[in-house]
Amino acid sequence: MKYLIVGLGNPGEKYAETRHNIGFKVLDHLAKEDEKCSFSVDRLGEVATYKFKGRTLILLKPSTFMNLSGKALNYWMQQEKIPTERVLVITDDLALPFGKLRMKGKGSDGGHNGLKDIIAVLNTTKFPRLRFGVGDDFAKGRQVDYVLGKWSPLEKETLADRIKISHEFIKSFVTVGIDRTMSMWNNK
């Protein structure tokens, strides 16, 4: 069975260590777990294949920049013939405290431009997503600077642990489904 795991972020070194690129960071670390898994540049993004318990996970880091994430996601859904319910989008979330992880099966874009584009392209709000809390420690009107800012030293101390937990969400999602994953992991 195939799954499409899409980490949202912006391409390029300039954005590599920013809060907005947590989706890329989660997938990079997941790929490192399997020595046979590595990203290569392909159409509309960097793609890798990760095998887990008889499942094939197509890992996608769109190269379309955050605001056009839906184009890459839709292309790879069609290319790999993966239905919406087997797609998981990993995104940063200002509404959650730093490091808090929450899986949802549907929802609004919450002001996130990547999710906004995906919703517009798919014409639905019903797709699984893993929200990675980045907190909201910014002055009024400084939201963009905050999400495009680098991790603080304090955040860096626990980031690796939170990324490992995000991997447990992903593995659970592809093996036991979204409902059981949400009940087992959303409060960890």
Protein backbone atom coordinates (compact mmCIF):
# COMPACT_ATOMS: atom_id res chain seq x y z
CA MET A 1 0.00 0.00 0.00
CA LYS A 2 1.30 3.47 -0.93
CA TYR A 3 1.18 6.68 1.08
CA LEU A 4 2.21 10.21 0.17
CA ILE A 5 3.90 12.03 3.06
CA VAL A 6 4.32 15.72 2.21
CA GLY A 7 6.54 17.94 4.33
CA LEU A 8 5.80 21.61 3.78
CA GLY A 9 8.62 24.12 3.52
CA ASN A 10 10.51 26.37 1.18
CA PRO A 11 13.42 25.18 -0.98
CA GLY A 12 16.89 26.63 -0.61
CA GLU A 13 19.57 27.02 2.04
CA LYS A 14 18.12 30.38 3.12
CA TYR A 15 15.08 28.61 4.61
CA ALA A 16 16.65 25.35 5.78
CA GLU A 17 16.67 25.99 9.52
CA THR A 18 13.50 28.07 9.77
CA ARG A 19 10.35 27.21 11.67
CA HIS A 20 8.32 27.24 8.44
CA ASN A 21 10.46 24.35 7.13
CA ILE A 22 9.67 21.85 9.88
CA GLY A 23 7.93 19.62 7.30
CA PHE A 24 11.17 19.30 5.32
CA LYS A 25 13.15 18.72 8.52
CA VAL A 26 10.85 15.90 9.68
CA LEU A 27 11.17 14.12 6.31
CA ASP A 28 14.95 14.61 6.16
CA HIS A 29 15.32 12.91 9.54
CA LEU A 30 12.90 10.13 8.62
CA ALA A 31 14.87 9.38 5.45
CA LYS A 32 18.08 9.13 7.51
CA GLU A 33 16.55 6.18 9.43
CA ASP A 34 16.87 4.01 6.31
CA GLU A 35 20.25 3.94 4.57
CA LYS A 36 18.52 3.02 1.28
CA CYS A 37 16.31 6.10 1.42
CA SER A 38 17.60 9.32 -0.07
CA PHE A 39 16.01 12.32 -1.73
CA SER A 40 16.48 13.10 -5.40
CA VAL A 41 15.27 16.06 -7.40
CA ASP A 42 12.21 15.16 -9.42
CA ARG A 43 9.20 16.95 -10.85
CA LEU A 44 7.99 19.75 -8.51
CA GLY A 45 10.12 18.63 -5.58
CA GLU A 46 12.57 16.33 -3.90
CA VAL A 47 11.27 12.78 -3.57
CA ALA A 48 12.35 9.69 -1.65
CA THR A 49 10.84 6.25 -1.10
CA TYR A 50 10.72 4.93 2.46
CA LYS A 51 9.63 1.36 3.22
CA PHE A 52 7.95 0.52 6.52
CA LYS A 53 6.14 -2.70 7.49
CA GLY A 54 5.11 -3.55 3.95
CA ARG A 55 4.05 -0.02 3.13
CA THR A 56 5.65 2.34 0.63
CA LEU A 57 5.86 5.93 1.74
CA ILE A 58 6.55 8.47 -0.99
CA LEU A 59 8.24 11.36 0.84
CA LEU A 60 7.81 14.71 -0.89
CA LYS A 61 9.44 18.07 -0.21
CA PRO A 62 7.80 20.42 -2.74
CA SER A 63 10.08 22.78 -4.66
CA THR A 64 7.15 25.05 -5.48
CA PHE A 65 7.60 27.22 -2.38
CA MET A 66 5.08 27.14 0.44
CA ASN A 67 2.33 29.16 -1.26
CA LEU A 68 2.06 26.70 -4.18
CA SER A 69 2.37 23.42 -2.24
CA GLY A 70 -0.91 22.10 -3.66
CA LYS A 71 0.49 21.85 -7.18
CA ALA A 72 3.28 19.46 -6.14
CA LEU A 73 1.05 17.46 -3.80
CA ASN A 74 -1.62 17.00 -6.46
CA TYR A 75 0.91 16.02 -9.13
CA TRP A 76 2.39 13.26 -6.93
CA MET A 77 -1.04 12.04 -5.80
CA GLN A 78 -1.97 11.56 -9.47
CA GLN A 79 1.44 10.17 -10.45
CA GLU A 80 1.44 7.54 -7.70
CA LYS A 81 -2.37 7.00 -7.71
CA ILE A 82 -2.68 7.76 -4.00
CA PRO A 83 -6.11 8.76 -2.63
CA THR A 84 -6.53 11.75 -0.32
CA GLU A 85 -7.03 9.58 2.77
CA ARG A 86 -3.51 8.15 2.32
CA VAL A 87 -1.88 11.57 2.07
CA LEU A 88 -0.34 13.13 5.17
CA VAL A 89 0.74 16.80 5.16
CA ILE A 90 3.29 17.88 7.78
CA THR A 91 3.12 21.58 8.57
CA ASP A 92 4.18 24.18 11.10
CA ASP A 93 1.43 25.61 13.30
CA LEU A 94 1.49 28.92 15.18
CA ALA A 95 -1.63 28.00 17.19
CA LEU A 96 0.18 25.17 19.00
CA PRO A 97 2.92 25.65 21.60
CA PHE A 98 6.42 24.79 20.43
CA GLY A 99 6.87 21.03 20.02
CA LYS A 100 3.21 20.12 20.45
CA LEU A 101 2.13 17.64 17.78
CA ARG A 102 -1.45 17.20 16.67
CA MET A 103 -2.87 15.02 13.90
CA LYS A 104 -6.17 15.95 12.26
CA GLY A 105 -8.20 14.44 9.44
CA LYS A 106 -9.62 17.74 8.22
CA GLY A 107 -9.74 21.42 9.05
CA SER A 108 -9.28 24.96 7.86
CA ASP A 109 -6.01 26.44 6.67
CA GLY A 110 -5.66 28.36 9.96
CA GLY A 111 -4.03 31.20 8.02
CA HIS A 112 -1.28 28.91 6.69
CA ASN A 113 -0.60 29.67 3.02
CA GLY A 114 0.64 26.16 2.22
CA LEU A 115 -2.54 24.58 3.56
CA LYS A 116 -4.61 27.29 1.85
CA ASP A 117 -3.13 26.32 -1.52
CA ILE A 118 -3.59 22.59 -0.91
CA ILE A 119 -7.25 23.14 0.03
CA ALA A 120 -7.77 25.23 -3.13
CA VAL A 121 -6.11 22.66 -5.42
CA LEU A 122 -7.79 19.60 -3.87
CA ASN A 123 -11.09 21.47 -3.40
CA THR A 124 -11.50 19.94 0.05
CA THR A 125 -10.47 20.51 3.66
CA LYS A 126 -10.62 16.75 4.28
CA PHE A 127 -7.06 15.48 4.16
CA PRO A 128 -4.86 14.24 7.01
CA ARG A 129 -2.29 16.61 8.42
CA LEU A 130 0.27 16.54 11.20
CA ARG A 131 0.56 19.96 12.78
CA PHE A 132 3.92 20.70 14.43
CA GLY A 133 3.62 23.52 16.96
CA VAL A 134 6.11 26.34 16.56
CA GLY A 135 4.53 28.64 19.14
CA ASP A 136 3.52 32.25 18.76
CA ASP A 137 6.32 34.19 20.45
CA PHE A 138 6.26 37.19 18.13
CA ALA A 139 5.15 40.80 18.27
CA LYS A 140 1.97 41.88 16.51
CA GLY A 141 2.50 42.03 12.77
CA ARG A 142 5.74 40.00 12.92
CA GLN A 143 4.28 36.58 12.11
CA VAL A 144 6.15 36.22 8.79
CA ASP A 145 9.48 37.13 10.40
CA TYR A 146 8.80 34.58 13.13
CA VAL A 147 7.98 31.60 10.89
CA LEU A 148 10.84 32.46 8.54
CA GLY A 149 13.14 32.89 11.54
CA LYS A 150 15.66 30.35 12.80
CA TRP A 151 15.04 28.08 15.79
CA SER A 152 16.02 29.58 19.13
CA PRO A 153 18.77 27.85 21.16
CA LEU A 154 16.11 26.68 23.64
CA GLU A 155 13.95 25.22 20.84
CA LYS A 156 16.97 23.47 19.34
CA GLU A 157 17.51 21.59 22.63
CA THR A 158 14.26 19.64 22.29
CA LEU A 159 13.69 19.76 18.53
CA ALA A 160 15.30 16.37 17.81
CA ASP A 161 13.09 14.64 20.39
CA ARG A 162 9.92 16.22 18.96
CA ILE A 163 10.96 15.19 15.44
CA LYS A 164 11.37 11.58 16.62
CA ILE A 165 7.86 11.67 18.04
CA SER A 166 6.56 13.04 14.74
CA HIS A 167 8.04 9.91 13.12
CA GLU A 168 5.92 7.79 15.48
CA PHE A 169 2.83 9.68 14.28
CA ILE A 170 3.75 8.96 10.66
CA LYS A 171 4.45 5.26 11.25
CA SER A 172 1.25 4.89 13.23
CA PHE A 173 -0.77 6.69 10.54
CA VAL A 174 0.39 4.26 7.83
CA THR A 175 -0.09 1.14 9.96
CA VAL A 176 -3.20 1.68 12.14
CA GLY A 177 -4.89 4.67 10.48
CA ILE A 178 -5.68 8.21 11.45
CA ASP A 179 -8.33 7.59 14.13
CA ARG A 180 -6.20 5.26 16.26
CA THR A 181 -3.14 7.46 15.69
CA MET A 182 -4.99 10.53 16.94
CA SER A 183 -6.21 8.73 20.08
CA MET A 184 -2.80 7.18 20.81
CA TRP A 185 -0.50 10.11 20.00
CA ASN A 186 -2.27 13.50 20.05
CA ASN A 187 -1.68 14.05 23.76
CA LYS A 188 1.96 12.95 23.88
